[in-house]
């Protein structure tokens, strides 16, 4: 029976691979969305957006209902649960930093996509 060789994955490597996987998924989703928006899929995309808005509204209503019922049942004790989930302003700042990084990457992707498209069109014209 063959032995499996195990490679130790450091936390840093694990985080890097996770980040790269996220970027890969995001890139694939961006490419598919771009293909949908430029073709006949634009109508389907708009239908998905409308459906998403409906689902979002229903989820918000359901959450508000659950919160209201929890307040009725537990009163002050429900509010006391918030101590277990404090709002960490430092982590909120980090989230904003990450959102800015994602926005910058989106701009780079858009720029690269435009450059590739213009190179393709000049090659076809030649």
N, C-alpha and C. Protein backbone atom coordinates (compact mmCIF):
# COMPACT_ATOMS: atom_id res chain seq x y z
N UNK A 1 0.84 -1.17 0.00
CA UNK A 1 0.00 0.00 0.00
C UNK A 1 0.89 1.24 0.00
N UNK A 2 0.62 2.19 -0.87
CA UNK A 2 1.45 3.38 -0.99
C UNK A 2 1.14 4.35 0.14
N UNK A 3 2.19 4.95 0.66
CA UNK A 3 2.02 5.94 1.73
C UNK A 3 1.75 7.31 1.11
N UNK A 4 0.88 8.05 1.75
CA UNK A 4 0.60 9.40 1.31
C UNK A 4 1.65 10.33 1.91
N UNK A 5 2.17 11.22 1.10
CA UNK A 5 3.11 12.20 1.63
C UNK A 5 2.31 13.42 2.04
N UNK A 6 2.50 13.82 3.28
CA UNK A 6 1.78 14.98 3.79
C UNK A 6 2.70 16.19 3.76
N UNK A 7 2.18 17.26 3.22
CA UNK A 7 2.95 18.50 3.23
C UNK A 7 2.33 19.42 4.26
N UNK A 8 3.20 19.98 5.08
CA UNK A 8 2.71 20.87 6.13
C UNK A 8 2.35 22.21 5.50
N UNK A 9 1.16 22.64 5.77
CA UNK A 9 0.67 23.90 5.24
C UNK A 9 0.71 24.91 6.37
N UNK A 10 1.54 25.93 6.20
CA UNK A 10 1.64 26.94 7.25
C UNK A 10 0.41 27.82 7.22
N UNK A 11 0.10 28.47 8.34
CA UNK A 11 -1.05 29.38 8.34
C UNK A 11 -0.94 30.45 7.26
N UNK A 12 0.26 30.95 7.06
CA UNK A 12 0.46 31.99 6.04
C UNK A 12 0.12 31.45 4.65
N UNK A 13 0.60 30.22 4.36
CA UNK A 13 0.30 29.61 3.06
C UNK A 13 -1.19 29.35 2.90
N UNK A 14 -1.82 28.91 3.99
CA UNK A 14 -3.26 28.63 3.95
C UNK A 14 -4.04 29.90 3.65
N UNK A 15 -3.66 31.00 4.30
CA UNK A 15 -4.34 32.28 4.06
C UNK A 15 -4.11 32.73 2.63
N UNK A 16 -2.87 32.59 2.15
CA UNK A 16 -2.56 33.01 0.78
C UNK A 16 -3.36 32.19 -0.23
N UNK A 17 -3.41 30.87 -0.03
CA UNK A 17 -4.17 30.03 -0.95
C UNK A 17 -5.66 30.35 -0.89
N UNK A 18 -6.15 30.64 0.31
CA UNK A 18 -7.54 31.03 0.43
C UNK A 18 -7.83 32.32 -0.31
N UNK A 19 -6.92 33.29 -0.18
CA UNK A 19 -7.06 34.58 -0.86
C UNK A 19 -7.02 34.37 -2.37
N UNK A 20 -6.08 33.55 -2.85
CA UNK A 20 -6.00 33.30 -4.28
C UNK A 20 -7.24 32.59 -4.80
N UNK A 21 -7.78 31.67 -4.01
CA UNK A 21 -9.01 30.99 -4.40
C UNK A 21 -10.15 31.99 -4.49
N UNK A 22 -10.23 32.91 -3.52
CA UNK A 22 -11.26 33.94 -3.54
C UNK A 22 -11.13 34.79 -4.80
N UNK A 23 -9.91 35.21 -5.11
CA UNK A 23 -9.70 36.03 -6.30
C UNK A 23 -10.08 35.26 -7.56
N UNK A 24 -9.77 33.96 -7.58
CA UNK A 24 -10.14 33.15 -8.74
C UNK A 24 -11.63 33.05 -8.92
N UNK A 25 -12.35 32.85 -7.83
CA UNK A 25 -13.81 32.78 -7.89
C UNK A 25 -14.37 34.12 -8.32
N UNK A 26 -13.84 35.19 -7.74
CA UNK A 26 -14.32 36.53 -8.09
C UNK A 26 -14.06 36.81 -9.57
N UNK A 27 -12.87 36.47 -10.04
CA UNK A 27 -12.55 36.69 -11.45
C UNK A 27 -13.46 35.92 -12.38
N UNK A 28 -13.71 34.66 -12.03
CA UNK A 28 -14.61 33.84 -12.85
C UNK A 28 -16.02 34.42 -12.86
N UNK A 29 -16.49 34.85 -11.70
CA UNK A 29 -17.83 35.44 -11.61
C UNK A 29 -17.90 36.73 -12.43
N UNK A 30 -16.84 37.53 -12.36
CA UNK A 30 -16.80 38.78 -13.12
C UNK A 30 -16.85 38.50 -14.62
N UNK A 31 -16.07 37.53 -15.06
CA UNK A 31 -16.06 37.20 -16.49
C UNK A 31 -17.42 36.71 -16.96
N UNK A 32 -18.07 35.88 -16.15
CA UNK A 32 -19.39 35.38 -16.54
C UNK A 32 -20.42 36.50 -16.54
N UNK A 33 -20.36 37.38 -15.54
CA UNK A 33 -21.30 38.49 -15.50
C UNK A 33 -21.09 39.40 -16.69
N UNK A 34 -19.84 39.63 -17.05
CA UNK A 34 -19.54 40.47 -18.20
C UNK A 34 -20.10 39.85 -19.48
N UNK A 35 -19.96 38.54 -19.62
CA UNK A 35 -20.48 37.86 -20.80
C UNK A 35 -22.00 37.96 -20.85
N UNK A 36 -22.64 37.85 -19.70
CA UNK A 36 -24.10 37.94 -19.65
C UNK A 36 -24.55 39.34 -20.02
N UNK A 37 -23.88 40.35 -19.49
CA UNK A 37 -24.29 41.73 -19.72
C UNK A 37 -24.09 42.19 -21.15
N UNK A 38 -23.13 41.59 -21.85
CA UNK A 38 -22.86 42.03 -23.21
C UNK A 38 -23.68 41.27 -24.26
N UNK A 39 -24.31 40.18 -23.86
CA UNK A 39 -25.07 39.39 -24.82
C UNK A 39 -26.56 39.43 -24.54
N UNK A 40 -27.25 38.41 -25.00
CA UNK A 40 -28.69 38.31 -24.79
C UNK A 40 -29.02 38.05 -23.33
N UNK A 41 -28.02 37.71 -22.56
CA UNK A 41 -28.24 37.41 -21.16
C UNK A 41 -28.57 38.62 -20.31
N UNK A 42 -28.52 39.81 -20.88
CA UNK A 42 -28.81 41.01 -20.11
C UNK A 42 -30.22 40.97 -19.53
N UNK A 43 -31.18 40.45 -20.31
CA UNK A 43 -32.55 40.35 -19.82
C UNK A 43 -32.63 39.37 -18.66
N UNK A 44 -31.94 38.24 -18.78
CA UNK A 44 -31.92 37.25 -17.71
C UNK A 44 -31.28 37.84 -16.47
N UNK A 45 -30.20 38.58 -16.67
CA UNK A 45 -29.51 39.21 -15.55
C UNK A 45 -30.46 40.15 -14.80
N UNK A 46 -31.20 40.95 -15.54
CA UNK A 46 -32.14 41.87 -14.90
C UNK A 46 -33.22 41.12 -14.13
N UNK A 47 -33.66 39.98 -14.66
CA UNK A 47 -34.63 39.16 -13.94
C UNK A 47 -34.04 38.66 -12.63
N UNK A 48 -32.76 38.25 -12.67
CA UNK A 48 -32.09 37.80 -11.45
C UNK A 48 -31.97 38.92 -10.43
N UNK A 49 -31.68 40.12 -10.91
CA UNK A 49 -31.58 41.27 -10.01
C UNK A 49 -32.92 41.52 -9.32
N UNK A 50 -34.00 41.50 -10.10
CA UNK A 50 -35.33 41.70 -9.53
C UNK A 50 -35.67 40.62 -8.51
N UNK A 51 -35.35 39.38 -8.86
CA UNK A 51 -35.61 38.27 -7.94
C UNK A 51 -34.78 38.43 -6.67
N UNK A 52 -33.54 38.84 -6.82
CA UNK A 52 -32.68 39.08 -5.66
C UNK A 52 -33.23 40.16 -4.76
N UNK A 53 -33.77 41.22 -5.34
CA UNK A 53 -34.37 42.29 -4.54
C UNK A 53 -35.58 41.77 -3.77
N UNK A 54 -36.38 40.93 -4.41
CA UNK A 54 -37.54 40.34 -3.72
C UNK A 54 -37.10 39.48 -2.54
N UNK A 55 -36.11 38.63 -2.78
CA UNK A 55 -35.62 37.75 -1.72
C UNK A 55 -35.02 38.57 -0.58
N UNK A 56 -34.28 39.60 -0.93
CA UNK A 56 -33.67 40.46 0.09
C UNK A 56 -34.74 41.11 0.97
N UNK A 57 -35.80 41.61 0.34
CA UNK A 57 -36.89 42.25 1.08
C UNK A 57 -37.56 41.25 2.01
N UNK A 58 -37.83 40.04 1.50
CA UNK A 58 -38.46 39.02 2.35
C UNK A 58 -37.56 38.63 3.52
N UNK A 59 -36.26 38.54 3.26
CA UNK A 59 -35.32 38.16 4.33
C UNK A 59 -35.25 39.26 5.39
N UNK A 60 -35.24 40.51 4.96
CA UNK A 60 -35.22 41.62 5.92
C UNK A 60 -36.49 41.63 6.76
N UNK A 61 -37.63 41.40 6.12
CA UNK A 61 -38.89 41.35 6.86
C UNK A 61 -38.90 40.21 7.87
N UNK A 62 -38.40 39.05 7.43
CA UNK A 62 -38.37 37.89 8.33
C UNK A 62 -37.44 38.16 9.50
N UNK A 63 -36.31 38.76 9.26
CA UNK A 63 -35.36 39.06 10.33
C UNK A 63 -35.97 40.06 11.31
N UNK A 64 -36.64 41.07 10.79
CA UNK A 64 -37.28 42.06 11.68
C UNK A 64 -38.35 41.38 12.53
N UNK A 65 -39.09 40.46 11.94
CA UNK A 65 -40.13 39.73 12.68
C UNK A 65 -39.51 38.88 13.79
N UNK A 66 -38.43 38.18 13.48
CA UNK A 66 -37.76 37.35 14.48
C UNK A 66 -37.20 38.22 15.61
N UNK A 67 -36.62 39.33 15.25
CA UNK A 67 -36.06 40.24 16.26
C UNK A 67 -37.17 40.76 17.17
N UNK A 68 -38.31 41.12 16.57
CA UNK A 68 -39.43 41.64 17.36
C UNK A 68 -39.96 40.57 18.32
N UNK A 69 -40.11 39.34 17.82
CA UNK A 69 -40.58 38.26 18.69
C UNK A 69 -39.58 37.95 19.80
N UNK A 70 -38.30 38.01 19.49
CA UNK A 70 -37.28 37.77 20.52
C UNK A 70 -37.34 38.85 21.59
N UNK A 71 -37.53 40.09 21.17
CA UNK A 71 -37.66 41.18 22.15
C UNK A 71 -38.89 41.00 23.02
N UNK A 72 -40.00 40.55 22.41
CA UNK A 72 -41.21 40.32 23.19
C UNK A 72 -41.02 39.20 24.20
N UNK A 73 -40.33 38.13 23.79
CA UNK A 73 -40.16 36.98 24.66
C UNK A 73 -39.11 37.21 25.75
N UNK A 74 -38.01 37.83 25.37
CA UNK A 74 -36.89 37.91 26.30
C UNK A 74 -36.61 39.31 26.82
N UNK A 75 -37.19 40.30 26.20
CA UNK A 75 -37.04 41.67 26.67
C UNK A 75 -35.59 42.10 26.82
N UNK A 76 -35.24 42.54 28.02
CA UNK A 76 -33.89 43.04 28.28
C UNK A 76 -32.83 41.96 28.13
N UNK A 77 -33.20 40.73 28.39
CA UNK A 77 -32.21 39.65 28.27
C UNK A 77 -31.73 39.51 26.83
N UNK A 78 -32.60 39.76 25.86
CA UNK A 78 -32.20 39.69 24.45
C UNK A 78 -31.16 40.76 24.15
N UNK A 79 -31.39 41.96 24.65
CA UNK A 79 -30.43 43.04 24.43
C UNK A 79 -29.11 42.72 25.11
N UNK A 80 -29.15 41.98 26.21
CA UNK A 80 -27.92 41.59 26.90
C UNK A 80 -27.05 40.66 26.09
N UNK A 81 -27.65 39.95 25.14
CA UNK A 81 -26.86 39.06 24.30
C UNK A 81 -25.87 39.82 23.43
N UNK A 82 -26.12 41.06 23.20
CA UNK A 82 -25.22 41.87 22.36
C UNK A 82 -23.83 41.98 22.96
N UNK A 83 -23.73 41.77 24.28
CA UNK A 83 -22.41 41.81 24.90
C UNK A 83 -21.51 40.72 24.34
N UNK A 84 -22.09 39.62 23.91
CA UNK A 84 -21.30 38.53 23.36
C UNK A 84 -20.85 38.81 21.93
N UNK A 85 -21.45 39.77 21.29
CA UNK A 85 -21.11 40.12 19.92
C UNK A 85 -20.84 41.62 19.83
N UNK A 86 -19.77 42.08 20.44
CA UNK A 86 -19.51 43.52 20.46
C UNK A 86 -19.17 44.04 19.06
N UNK A 87 -19.48 45.29 18.87
CA UNK A 87 -19.12 45.94 17.61
C UNK A 87 -17.68 46.42 17.75
N UNK A 88 -16.81 45.79 17.04
CA UNK A 88 -15.40 46.11 17.11
C UNK A 88 -15.08 47.14 16.03
N UNK A 89 -14.79 48.35 16.42
CA UNK A 89 -14.54 49.42 15.45
C UNK A 89 -13.26 49.16 14.67
N UNK A 90 -12.28 48.51 15.31
CA UNK A 90 -11.04 48.19 14.60
C UNK A 90 -11.31 47.23 13.45
N UNK A 91 -12.14 46.23 13.68
CA UNK A 91 -12.43 45.27 12.61
C UNK A 91 -13.25 45.94 11.52
N UNK A 92 -14.13 46.88 11.89
CA UNK A 92 -14.88 47.60 10.87
C UNK A 92 -13.95 48.40 9.98
N UNK A 93 -12.90 48.98 10.57
CA UNK A 93 -11.92 49.71 9.79
C UNK A 93 -11.19 48.79 8.82
N UNK A 94 -10.89 47.59 9.29
CA UNK A 94 -10.20 46.62 8.43
C UNK A 94 -11.11 46.20 7.27
N UNK A 95 -12.39 46.06 7.56
CA UNK A 95 -13.34 45.71 6.50
C UNK A 95 -13.35 46.82 5.44
N UNK A 96 -13.33 48.06 5.89
CA UNK A 96 -13.31 49.18 4.94
C UNK A 96 -12.03 49.16 4.11
N UNK A 97 -10.90 48.83 4.75
CA UNK A 97 -9.63 48.73 4.01
C UNK A 97 -9.73 47.64 2.94
N UNK A 98 -10.28 46.50 3.32
CA UNK A 98 -10.41 45.40 2.37
C UNK A 98 -11.36 45.75 1.23
N UNK A 99 -12.43 46.46 1.55
CA UNK A 99 -13.36 46.89 0.50
C UNK A 99 -12.67 47.84 -0.48
N UNK A 100 -11.81 48.72 0.05
CA UNK A 100 -11.05 49.63 -0.82
C UNK A 100 -10.09 48.84 -1.71
N UNK A 101 -9.45 47.81 -1.15
CA UNK A 101 -8.55 46.98 -1.94
C UNK A 101 -9.31 46.27 -3.05
N UNK A 102 -10.48 45.74 -2.72
CA UNK A 102 -11.30 45.05 -3.73
C UNK A 102 -11.71 46.03 -4.82
N UNK A 103 -12.08 47.24 -4.44
CA UNK A 103 -12.47 48.25 -5.43
C UNK A 103 -11.29 48.56 -6.35
N UNK A 104 -10.09 48.67 -5.78
CA UNK A 104 -8.90 48.94 -6.60
C UNK A 104 -8.63 47.78 -7.55
N UNK A 105 -8.79 46.56 -7.06
CA UNK A 105 -8.60 45.39 -7.93
C UNK A 105 -9.65 45.35 -9.04
N UNK A 106 -10.88 45.74 -8.72
CA UNK A 106 -11.93 45.79 -9.75
C UNK A 106 -11.55 46.76 -10.86
N UNK A 107 -10.99 47.91 -10.48
CA UNK A 107 -10.57 48.89 -11.48
C UNK A 107 -9.46 48.32 -12.35
N UNK A 108 -8.51 47.61 -11.72
CA UNK A 108 -7.42 47.00 -12.49
C UNK A 108 -7.97 45.96 -13.46
N UNK A 109 -8.90 45.14 -12.98
CA UNK A 109 -9.49 44.11 -13.84
C UNK A 109 -10.21 44.76 -15.02
N UNK A 110 -10.96 45.82 -14.74
CA UNK A 110 -11.67 46.51 -15.82
C UNK A 110 -10.70 47.09 -16.83
N UNK A 111 -9.59 47.67 -16.34
CA UNK A 111 -8.58 48.24 -17.23
C UNK A 111 -7.95 47.16 -18.09
N UNK A 112 -7.59 46.04 -17.46
CA UNK A 112 -6.99 44.94 -18.21
C UNK A 112 -7.96 44.37 -19.24
N UNK A 113 -9.22 44.27 -18.87
CA UNK A 113 -10.23 43.75 -19.79
C UNK A 113 -10.37 44.67 -20.99
N UNK A 114 -10.38 45.98 -20.74
CA UNK A 114 -10.49 46.94 -21.84
C UNK A 114 -9.28 46.86 -22.75
N UNK A 115 -8.08 46.71 -22.15
CA UNK A 115 -6.86 46.63 -22.96
C UNK A 115 -6.89 45.39 -23.84
N UNK A 116 -7.33 44.25 -23.27
CA UNK A 116 -7.41 43.01 -24.05
C UNK A 116 -8.40 43.17 -25.19
N UNK A 117 -9.53 43.81 -24.90
CA UNK A 117 -10.56 44.00 -25.93
C UNK A 117 -10.04 44.90 -27.04
N UNK A 118 -9.31 45.97 -26.68
CA UNK A 118 -8.81 46.87 -27.71
C UNK A 118 -7.71 46.21 -28.53
N UNK A 119 -6.88 45.36 -27.90
CA UNK A 119 -5.84 44.64 -28.64
C UNK A 119 -6.48 43.67 -29.62
N UNK A 120 -7.55 43.00 -29.19
CA UNK A 120 -8.25 42.06 -30.07
C UNK A 120 -8.84 42.78 -31.28
N UNK A 121 -9.45 43.96 -31.02
CA UNK A 121 -10.08 44.69 -32.12
C UNK A 121 -9.05 45.23 -33.10
N UNK A 122 -7.87 45.63 -32.61
CA UNK A 122 -6.85 46.14 -33.53
C UNK A 122 -6.24 44.99 -34.33
N UNK A 123 -6.13 43.80 -33.73
CA UNK A 123 -5.63 42.65 -34.45
C UNK A 123 -6.60 42.24 -35.56
N UNK A 124 -7.92 42.29 -35.25
CA UNK A 124 -8.92 41.92 -36.24
C UNK A 124 -8.95 42.93 -37.38
N UNK A 125 -8.73 44.21 -37.06
CA UNK A 125 -8.76 45.25 -38.08
C UNK A 125 -7.56 45.14 -39.01
N UNK A 126 -6.45 44.65 -38.49
CA UNK A 126 -5.22 44.58 -39.31
C UNK A 126 -5.24 43.49 -40.32
